[in-house]
Protein backbone atom coordinates (compact mmCIF):
# COMPACT_ATOMS: atom_id res chain seq x y z
CA MET A 1 -10.86 11.03 -13.92
CA THR A 2 -9.83 7.41 -14.53
CA PRO A 3 -11.54 5.04 -12.08
CA ILE A 4 -9.13 3.23 -9.77
CA ASP A 5 -8.86 -0.53 -10.22
CA ARG A 6 -11.20 -2.41 -7.86
CA SER A 7 -10.38 -5.87 -9.19
CA HIS A 8 -8.85 -7.46 -6.10
CA PRO A 9 -10.21 -10.94 -5.34
CA VAL A 10 -13.62 -11.08 -3.71
CA TYR A 11 -14.05 -13.51 -0.83
CA PRO A 12 -17.35 -14.25 0.89
CA VAL A 13 -17.95 -11.76 3.70
CA HIS A 14 -20.68 -12.43 6.24
CA PRO A 15 -23.51 -9.95 5.61
CA PRO A 16 -23.34 -6.84 7.81
CA LEU A 17 -25.74 -6.38 10.67
CA ALA A 18 -28.92 -4.41 10.15
CA PRO A 19 -28.55 -0.96 11.77
CA GLU A 20 -31.17 -1.78 14.38
CA ALA A 21 -29.27 -4.94 15.42
CA VAL A 22 -25.92 -3.34 16.26
CA ARG A 23 -26.64 -2.37 19.86
CA ASP A 24 -27.73 -5.92 20.69
CA ALA A 25 -24.35 -7.19 19.41
CA MET A 26 -22.30 -4.78 21.55
CA ASP A 27 -21.31 -7.16 24.35
CA GLY A 28 -17.54 -6.97 23.79
CA VAL A 29 -17.15 -10.74 23.37
CA LEU A 30 -14.76 -12.12 20.74
CA ARG A 31 -16.38 -14.85 18.65
CA PRO A 32 -15.57 -16.58 15.34
CA ASN A 33 -17.12 -14.85 12.35
CA PRO A 34 -20.23 -16.87 11.35
CA GLY A 35 -19.02 -17.16 7.75
CA ASP A 36 -15.26 -17.41 8.30
CA SER A 37 -13.78 -19.37 11.20
CA GLU A 38 -10.30 -17.97 10.41
CA ARG A 39 -11.21 -14.59 11.90
CA GLU A 40 -12.73 -13.43 15.17
CA GLU A 41 -14.71 -10.31 15.93
CA ALA A 42 -16.36 -8.32 18.69
CA TRP A 43 -18.42 -5.15 18.96
CA LEU A 44 -17.21 -2.98 21.85
CA ALA A 45 -19.86 -1.71 24.25
CA SER A 46 -20.80 1.98 24.32
CA PRO A 47 -23.22 3.88 26.57
CA VAL A 48 -23.98 6.58 23.97
CA PRO A 49 -25.47 6.64 20.44
CA GLN A 50 -22.29 7.39 18.45
CA SER A 51 -18.80 5.85 18.48
CA HIS A 52 -16.05 6.74 16.03
CA ALA A 53 -12.31 6.99 15.29
CA ALA A 54 -10.74 4.09 17.21
CA ASN A 55 -7.04 3.61 17.85
CA LEU A 56 -5.51 0.32 19.04
CA LEU A 57 -2.30 -0.31 20.99
CA GLU A 58 -0.83 -3.44 22.53
CA LEU A 59 0.31 -2.43 26.01
CA ALA A 60 3.54 -3.48 27.71
CA ASN A 61 1.76 -6.27 29.64
CA GLY A 62 0.20 -7.76 26.50
CA ASP A 63 -3.26 -6.25 26.98
CA LEU A 64 -4.88 -4.71 23.90
CA ALA A 65 -6.15 -1.16 24.49
CA CYS A 66 -8.61 0.81 22.39
CA VAL A 67 -9.54 4.50 22.57
CA TRP A 68 -12.20 6.26 20.52
CA PHE A 69 -14.57 9.21 20.73
CA ALA A 70 -18.25 8.88 21.54
CA GLY A 71 -21.31 10.97 22.30
CA SER A 72 -24.55 12.02 20.66
CA GLN A 73 -22.95 13.12 17.36
CA GLU A 74 -19.52 14.24 16.16
CA GLY A 75 -18.96 17.95 16.80
CA ARG A 76 -21.32 18.25 19.75
CA GLY A 77 -20.06 19.17 23.21
CA ASP A 78 -20.95 15.82 24.78
CA VAL A 79 -18.43 13.97 22.58
CA CYS A 80 -15.69 12.60 24.84
CA ILE A 81 -12.85 10.08 24.76
CA PHE A 82 -13.48 6.49 25.87
CA PHE A 83 -11.07 3.66 26.74
CA ALA A 84 -11.52 -0.13 26.84
CA ARG A 85 -9.12 -3.01 27.40
CA LEU A 86 -8.94 -6.61 26.21
CA LYS A 87 -6.78 -8.29 28.83
CA LYS A 88 -4.16 -10.74 27.58
CA GLY A 89 -5.81 -14.13 27.21
CA SER A 90 -9.33 -12.75 27.66
CA ARG A 91 -12.16 -12.99 25.16
CA ARG A 92 -14.20 -10.07 26.47
CA TRP A 93 -13.45 -6.37 26.22
CA SER A 94 -13.88 -4.37 29.42
CA GLU A 95 -16.72 -1.90 29.83
CA PRO A 96 -15.64 1.47 28.41
CA VAL A 97 -14.32 4.18 30.72
CA ARG A 98 -14.71 7.86 29.85
CA LEU A 99 -11.37 9.67 30.01
CA THR A 100 -12.44 13.26 29.23
CA ASP A 101 -15.36 15.39 30.38
CA ASP A 102 -15.24 18.84 28.78
CA MET A 103 -18.89 19.36 27.79
CA GLU A 104 -18.19 22.62 25.97
CA ARG A 105 -15.89 21.18 23.29
CA SER A 106 -16.03 18.11 21.04
CA GLU A 107 -13.09 15.86 21.95
CA GLN A 108 -11.98 13.67 19.06
CA ASN A 109 -9.34 11.55 17.29
CA PRO A 110 -7.58 9.99 20.30
CA PHE A 111 -4.48 7.82 20.19
CA LEU A 112 -2.31 6.03 22.78
CA PHE A 113 1.50 6.18 22.82
CA SER A 114 3.79 4.04 24.97
CA ALA A 115 6.74 6.32 25.68
CA PRO A 116 10.26 4.87 26.07
CA ASP A 117 10.12 5.67 29.82
CA GLY A 118 7.11 3.35 30.22
CA ARG A 119 4.47 6.06 30.60
CA LEU A 120 1.31 5.80 28.49
CA TRP A 121 0.15 8.98 26.75
CA LEU A 122 -3.39 9.72 25.62
CA VAL A 123 -3.43 12.46 22.95
CA TYR A 124 -6.60 13.87 21.37
CA THR A 125 -8.17 16.96 19.80
CA SER A 126 -10.64 19.42 21.32
CA GLN A 127 -12.76 21.71 19.13
CA ILE A 128 -15.74 24.06 19.26
CA ALA A 129 -18.76 22.44 17.59
CA GLY A 130 -18.07 21.48 13.96
CA ASP A 131 -15.23 23.94 13.44
CA GLN A 132 -12.00 21.97 13.17
CA ALA A 133 -10.13 25.27 12.70
CA THR A 134 -10.68 25.85 16.45
CA ALA A 135 -9.11 22.54 17.51
CA LEU A 136 -6.42 22.30 20.18
CA VAL A 137 -4.41 19.16 20.97
CA LYS A 138 -4.65 17.91 24.55
CA TYR A 139 -3.16 15.01 26.47
CA ARG A 140 -3.20 12.95 29.66
CA VAL A 141 -0.45 10.62 30.94
CA SER A 142 -0.78 7.30 32.78
CA GLU A 143 1.88 5.96 35.13
CA ASP A 144 0.15 2.57 35.59
CA ASN A 145 -0.43 1.21 32.09
CA GLY A 146 -3.77 2.92 31.59
CA GLU A 147 -5.45 2.07 34.89
CA THR A 148 -5.52 5.78 35.80
CA PHE A 149 -4.54 8.98 33.98
CA GLY A 150 -3.15 12.29 35.21
CA PRO A 151 -4.62 15.76 34.62
CA VAL A 152 -5.47 17.18 31.21
CA GLY A 153 -2.79 19.33 29.60
CA VAL A 154 -2.58 21.25 26.33
CA LEU A 155 0.06 19.88 23.99
CA PHE A 156 -0.48 22.31 21.07
CA ASP A 157 -2.47 25.52 21.52
CA GLU A 158 -2.38 26.75 17.91
CA PRO A 159 -6.03 26.54 16.78
CA GLY A 160 -6.63 24.18 13.88
CA THR A 161 -3.97 21.63 14.85
CA PHE A 162 -5.34 18.10 14.53
CA VAL A 163 -3.99 14.59 15.17
CA ARG A 164 -5.02 11.10 14.18
CA HIS A 165 -1.97 8.78 14.29
CA PRO A 166 0.50 8.00 17.07
CA ILE A 167 3.94 9.33 17.87
CA VAL A 168 6.94 7.50 16.38
CA VAL A 169 10.37 7.55 18.06
CA ASN A 170 13.27 7.76 15.60
CA GLY A 171 16.76 6.32 15.97
CA ALA A 172 18.01 9.47 17.70
CA GLY A 173 15.29 9.21 20.35
CA GLU A 174 13.29 12.14 18.92
CA TRP A 175 9.52 12.00 18.99
CA LEU A 176 7.77 12.46 15.63
CA LEU A 177 4.11 13.41 15.90
CA PRO A 178 2.25 13.80 12.57
CA VAL A 179 -0.37 16.55 12.57
CA PHE A 180 -2.61 18.17 10.02
CA LEU A 181 -3.52 21.82 9.96
CA CYS A 182 -7.19 22.73 9.53
CA ARG A 183 -7.34 26.22 8.07
CA ALA A 184 -10.20 28.61 7.38
CA ALA A 185 -10.30 32.33 6.64
CA PRO A 186 -11.31 34.52 9.62
CA GLY A 187 -15.06 34.40 10.16
CA LYS A 188 -15.53 31.51 7.70
CA ARG A 189 -16.63 27.95 8.41
CA TRP A 190 -14.04 25.22 8.00
CA ARG A 191 -14.75 22.76 5.16
CA GLY A 192 -11.35 21.09 4.72
CA HIS A 193 -10.39 22.65 1.39
CA ASN A 194 -7.07 24.08 2.62
CA ASP A 195 -5.77 21.44 5.05
CA SER A 196 -2.16 20.24 4.91
CA SER A 197 0.26 18.13 6.95
CA ALA A 198 3.28 18.69 9.18
CA VAL A 199 5.43 16.79 11.68
CA MET A 200 5.99 18.02 15.22
CA ILE A 201 9.42 16.97 16.51
CA SER A 202 10.47 16.83 20.16
CA ARG A 203 14.00 16.16 21.45
CA ASP A 204 13.00 16.26 25.13
CA ALA A 205 10.22 13.64 25.46
CA GLY A 206 7.34 15.95 24.60
CA LYS A 207 8.24 19.06 26.59
CA ASN A 208 9.11 21.24 23.58
CA TRP A 209 8.27 20.84 19.90
CA ARG A 210 9.20 22.31 16.55
CA ARG A 211 7.12 21.99 13.39
CA VAL A 212 8.29 20.70 10.01
CA GLU A 213 5.81 21.26 7.19
CA VAL A 214 5.35 18.54 4.58
CA PRO A 215 5.87 20.19 1.17
CA GLY A 216 3.11 19.91 -1.41
CA SER A 217 0.71 18.36 1.13
CA LEU A 218 -2.41 20.41 0.36
CA GLY A 219 -5.32 18.02 0.86
CA ALA A 220 -3.07 15.23 2.19
CA VAL A 221 -4.02 14.70 5.85
CA HIS A 222 -4.03 12.03 8.59
CA MET A 223 -0.30 11.52 7.99
CA ASP A 224 0.73 8.09 9.32
CA ILE A 225 4.49 7.56 9.81
CA VAL A 226 5.93 4.03 9.51
CA PRO A 227 9.62 3.08 9.84
CA LEU A 228 11.23 1.30 6.90
CA GLN A 229 14.92 0.85 7.75
CA ASP A 230 17.68 2.90 9.35
CA ASP A 231 16.60 6.57 9.15
CA GLN A 232 14.08 5.97 6.36
CA TYR A 233 10.35 6.40 6.97
CA ILE A 234 7.27 6.21 4.81
CA ALA A 235 4.08 8.17 5.44
CA ALA A 236 0.58 7.41 4.15
CA TYR A 237 -2.11 10.09 3.83
CA ARG A 238 -5.85 10.45 3.47
CA SER A 239 -6.89 12.72 0.58
CA ARG A 240 -9.39 15.53 1.12
CA PHE A 241 -10.04 15.36 -2.63
CA ALA A 242 -11.18 11.72 -2.43
CA ASP A 243 -8.95 10.42 -5.19
CA SER A 244 -6.12 8.19 -3.89
CA ILE A 245 -4.09 7.42 -0.81
CA LYS A 246 -0.86 9.40 -0.93
CA ARG A 247 2.66 8.47 0.21
CA SER A 248 5.86 10.36 0.97
CA ILE A 249 9.34 9.42 2.19
CA SER A 250 11.85 10.72 4.73
CA ARG A 251 15.47 9.64 4.54
CA ASP A 252 16.75 11.67 7.49
CA GLY A 253 14.85 10.37 10.49
CA GLY A 254 11.68 12.36 9.83
CA HIS A 255 13.27 15.82 9.61
CA SER A 256 12.30 16.36 5.96
CA TRP A 257 9.78 14.74 3.63
CA THR A 258 9.14 14.36 -0.07
CA ALA A 259 5.88 15.77 -1.39
CA PRO A 260 2.99 13.26 -1.15
CA GLU A 261 2.39 11.29 -4.35
CA PRO A 262 -0.49 8.97 -5.36
CA THR A 263 -0.36 5.27 -4.58
CA ASP A 264 -2.28 2.55 -6.42
CA LEU A 265 -4.96 2.58 -3.69
CA PRO A 266 -8.10 4.76 -3.80
CA ASN A 267 -9.29 7.07 -1.05
CA ASN A 268 -12.70 8.55 -0.28
CA ASN A 269 -11.63 11.38 2.07
CA SER A 270 -11.74 9.01 5.02
CA SER A 271 -9.06 7.79 7.39
CA ILE A 272 -6.46 5.07 6.78
CA GLN A 273 -3.74 3.45 8.86
CA MET A 274 -0.57 1.57 7.91
CA ILE A 275 1.94 -0.50 9.91
CA LYS A 276 5.02 -2.60 9.24
CA LEU A 277 4.38 -6.26 10.01
CA GLN A 278 6.85 -8.63 11.64
CA SER A 279 7.33 -10.23 8.20
CA GLY A 280 8.60 -6.92 6.81
CA ARG A 281 5.51 -6.34 4.66
CA LEU A 282 3.52 -3.14 5.01
CA ALA A 283 -0.17 -3.54 5.81
CA ILE A 284 -2.72 -0.78 5.29
CA VAL A 285 -6.43 -0.65 6.16
CA TYR A 286 -8.73 1.70 4.23
CA ASN A 287 -11.92 1.98 2.17
CA HIS A 288 -11.32 0.68 -1.36
CA ILE A 289 -13.33 3.39 -3.10
CA SER A 290 -12.83 6.93 -4.41
CA ALA A 291 -15.07 9.78 -5.54
CA ALA A 292 -14.65 8.49 -9.11
CA ASP A 293 -16.64 5.39 -8.08
CA SER A 294 -19.62 7.25 -6.65
CA THR A 295 -21.89 10.26 -7.15
CA GLU A 296 -22.95 10.64 -3.48
CA ARG A 297 -22.01 14.03 -2.03
CA ARG A 298 -22.74 16.15 1.04
CA ALA A 299 -21.88 19.76 1.85
CA GLY A 300 -19.48 18.96 4.67
CA LEU A 301 -18.74 16.74 7.63
CA TYR A 302 -20.83 18.78 10.09
CA ASP A 303 -23.64 19.96 7.83
CA GLU A 304 -26.31 18.43 10.11
CA ILE A 305 -25.33 20.32 13.26
CA GLU A 306 -24.41 23.78 11.99
CA THR A 307 -26.05 26.56 10.02
CA HIS A 308 -25.25 26.71 6.34
CA GLY A 309 -23.53 29.49 4.46
CA ASN A 310 -20.41 31.58 5.08
CA GLU A 311 -18.17 28.60 4.41
CA ASP A 312 -14.49 28.85 3.67
CA LEU A 313 -13.81 28.40 -0.05
CA PRO A 314 -10.64 27.33 -1.84
CA PRO A 315 -8.76 29.85 -3.98
CA PRO A 316 -9.67 29.91 -7.71
CA GLY A 317 -8.28 26.88 -9.51
CA GLN A 318 -7.82 24.82 -6.33
CA PRO A 319 -10.02 21.72 -5.86
CA ARG A 320 -12.64 21.52 -3.13
CA ALA A 321 -12.74 18.89 -0.42
CA ILE A 322 -15.17 16.11 -1.33
CA TRP A 323 -17.55 14.72 1.30
CA GLY A 324 -20.12 11.93 1.08
CA THR A 325 -18.32 9.23 -0.91
CA PRO A 326 -19.42 5.90 0.61
CA ARG A 327 -17.21 4.50 3.37
CA ALA A 328 -17.12 0.82 2.40
CA PRO A 329 -15.75 -1.73 1.80
CA MET A 330 -13.27 -1.96 4.65
CA THR A 331 -10.16 -3.46 3.05
CA ILE A 332 -6.67 -4.54 4.08
CA ALA A 333 -3.82 -4.51 1.55
CA LEU A 334 -0.21 -5.69 1.75
CA SER A 335 2.93 -4.29 0.12
CA GLU A 336 6.17 -6.21 -0.44
CA ASP A 337 8.06 -3.32 -2.06
CA GLY A 338 8.15 -0.69 0.67
CA GLY A 339 4.77 0.83 -0.07
CA ARG A 340 5.17 1.43 -3.81
CA THR A 341 2.41 -1.06 -4.66
CA PHE A 342 -0.23 -2.98 -2.67
CA PRO A 343 -1.22 -5.94 -4.86
CA ILE A 344 -2.52 -8.25 -2.11
CA ARG A 345 -5.96 -7.07 -0.96
CA ARG A 346 -8.81 -8.57 0.99
CA ASP A 347 -12.09 -7.07 2.15
CA ILE A 348 -12.79 -7.23 5.89
CA GLU A 349 -16.34 -5.83 5.75
CA THR A 350 -18.65 -5.01 2.85
CA GLY A 351 -21.81 -2.93 2.58
CA ASP A 352 -23.15 0.19 0.90
CA GLY A 353 -21.16 2.50 3.20
CA ASN A 354 -23.72 5.29 3.14
CA CYS A 355 -22.35 8.29 5.06
CA LEU A 356 -24.61 11.13 3.93
CA SER A 357 -25.71 11.45 7.56
CA ASN A 358 -23.78 11.23 10.84
CA ASN A 359 -27.01 10.71 12.80
CA SER A 360 -26.51 7.58 14.91
CA ALA A 361 -29.51 8.13 17.19
CA GLU A 362 -31.84 7.63 14.22
CA LEU A 363 -29.63 4.89 12.66
CA ARG A 364 -29.08 6.82 9.42
CA ASN A 365 -25.40 5.92 8.91
CA ARG A 366 -24.01 2.69 7.41
CA GLU A 367 -20.29 3.43 7.09
CA PHE A 368 -17.33 1.20 7.92
CA SER A 369 -14.57 3.71 8.48
CA TYR A 370 -11.58 5.07 10.41
CA PRO A 371 -9.68 1.79 10.73
CA THR A 372 -6.80 1.20 13.11
CA ILE A 373 -4.39 -1.72 12.87
CA CYS A 374 -1.78 -3.24 15.14
CA GLN A 375 0.05 -6.56 15.22
CA GLY A 376 0.28 -8.34 18.54
CA SER A 377 3.52 -9.80 19.85
CA ASP A 378 2.08 -13.22 18.93
CA GLY A 379 1.76 -12.13 15.27
CA THR A 380 -2.03 -11.73 15.30
CA ILE A 381 -3.31 -8.76 13.31
CA ASN A 382 -5.93 -6.65 15.09
CA VAL A 383 -8.14 -4.19 13.22
CA ALA A 384 -10.81 -1.96 14.73
CA PHE A 385 -13.12 0.39 12.85
CA THR A 386 -16.32 2.41 13.04
CA TYR A 387 -19.42 0.30 12.43
CA TYR A 388 -22.35 2.49 11.29
CA ARG A 389 -21.09 5.17 13.73
CA GLN A 390 -22.86 3.15 16.41
CA ALA A 391 -20.03 0.90 17.56
CA ILE A 392 -16.35 0.08 17.29
CA LYS A 393 -15.86 -3.35 15.78
CA HIS A 394 -12.70 -5.35 16.54
CA VAL A 395 -11.59 -8.03 14.08
CA ARG A 396 -8.51 -10.23 14.40
CA PHE A 397 -6.89 -12.67 12.00
CA SER A 398 -3.50 -13.91 10.81
CA GLU A 399 -1.28 -12.52 8.07
CA GLU A 400 -1.90 -15.80 6.23
CA TRP A 401 -5.61 -14.94 6.13
CA VAL A 402 -4.73 -11.84 4.12
CA LEU A 403 -2.14 -13.61 1.95
CA ALA A 404 -4.78 -16.09 0.87
CA ALA A 405 -6.11 -13.31 -1.35
CA GLY A 406 -2.92 -13.48 -3.40
CA SER A 407 -2.78 -17.24 -3.81
């Protein structure tokens, strides 16, 4: 396997916190980075050992909202969805509020969606222990911009359906919700070898859905749909095989998709997110590393909380999902050609990215992962990501800060 180019310019990045110092930093206050006054950062508070998988959204009133999952450790029943808000003009995030309370299932991968009718949807997954093949997709709806939420409902009840990225509304008013399908043979433990992507489409504001499979998407998950122009959309994907970020195109409003193809960016079997900036450029946040750059491996995502053996295996000749590649650096890259290339790159956070353990209580994890990105109405770019699985870190900066890497 040919190593992916890692030669983007290196700028000084303030050294990461020691694992034992993270909880002391979690006061939710935005401050200038000690080594770079052009960016600000805050660590969101959390009442539990582990925080992971943030999603950001600027609300209709200009507040910045963040949802993520948190508990003792991913896959355990005490993992629930949390919500915090940075009010417009404020420099301190609110204390987190827990939005789910099912202590029998691990509730994960939340996102917020502002529907055209003004209602705010919370969508998330709900699984039994570490078996993503048991996951259902649930939701709650807020009528008051996230101050309160209605009862929990089940959006998709087909086990193994997973979400990560928000709903997109196409030009015809249809809702496009990217999902990935976590499959395992009956009686076998899910390991991610056979996952693929699809788009759920609703013509009636989420009441009914039909599924469109993405062809050739084996191993391409966490589909993230971004509008280009007219009825054209691009999607970016995480790769279970830890080789490269994939991309595919729709030219008919999201009703059909080309098979995912490699981009010039690496992937380590960890999440990514892409948006279209006000300038027209595409911006993507991700870990600039692949399995070709590292020998670290682990058996699976949940190998610390489940018994070993009886795992689902791929068919002969099919690659296995790769787990354990370091999750660092955290990088942002820009494209000026509709996502074909991403030549402008800048690291947001650097470190060793060790993710051979998910144990946050004993401070064993040092990953920077699962980034989310949104651009505020004032043009500011906001990125949030998992910091050592202890906290969600929020960083904000200008597009010019990123462009400096290409000057």
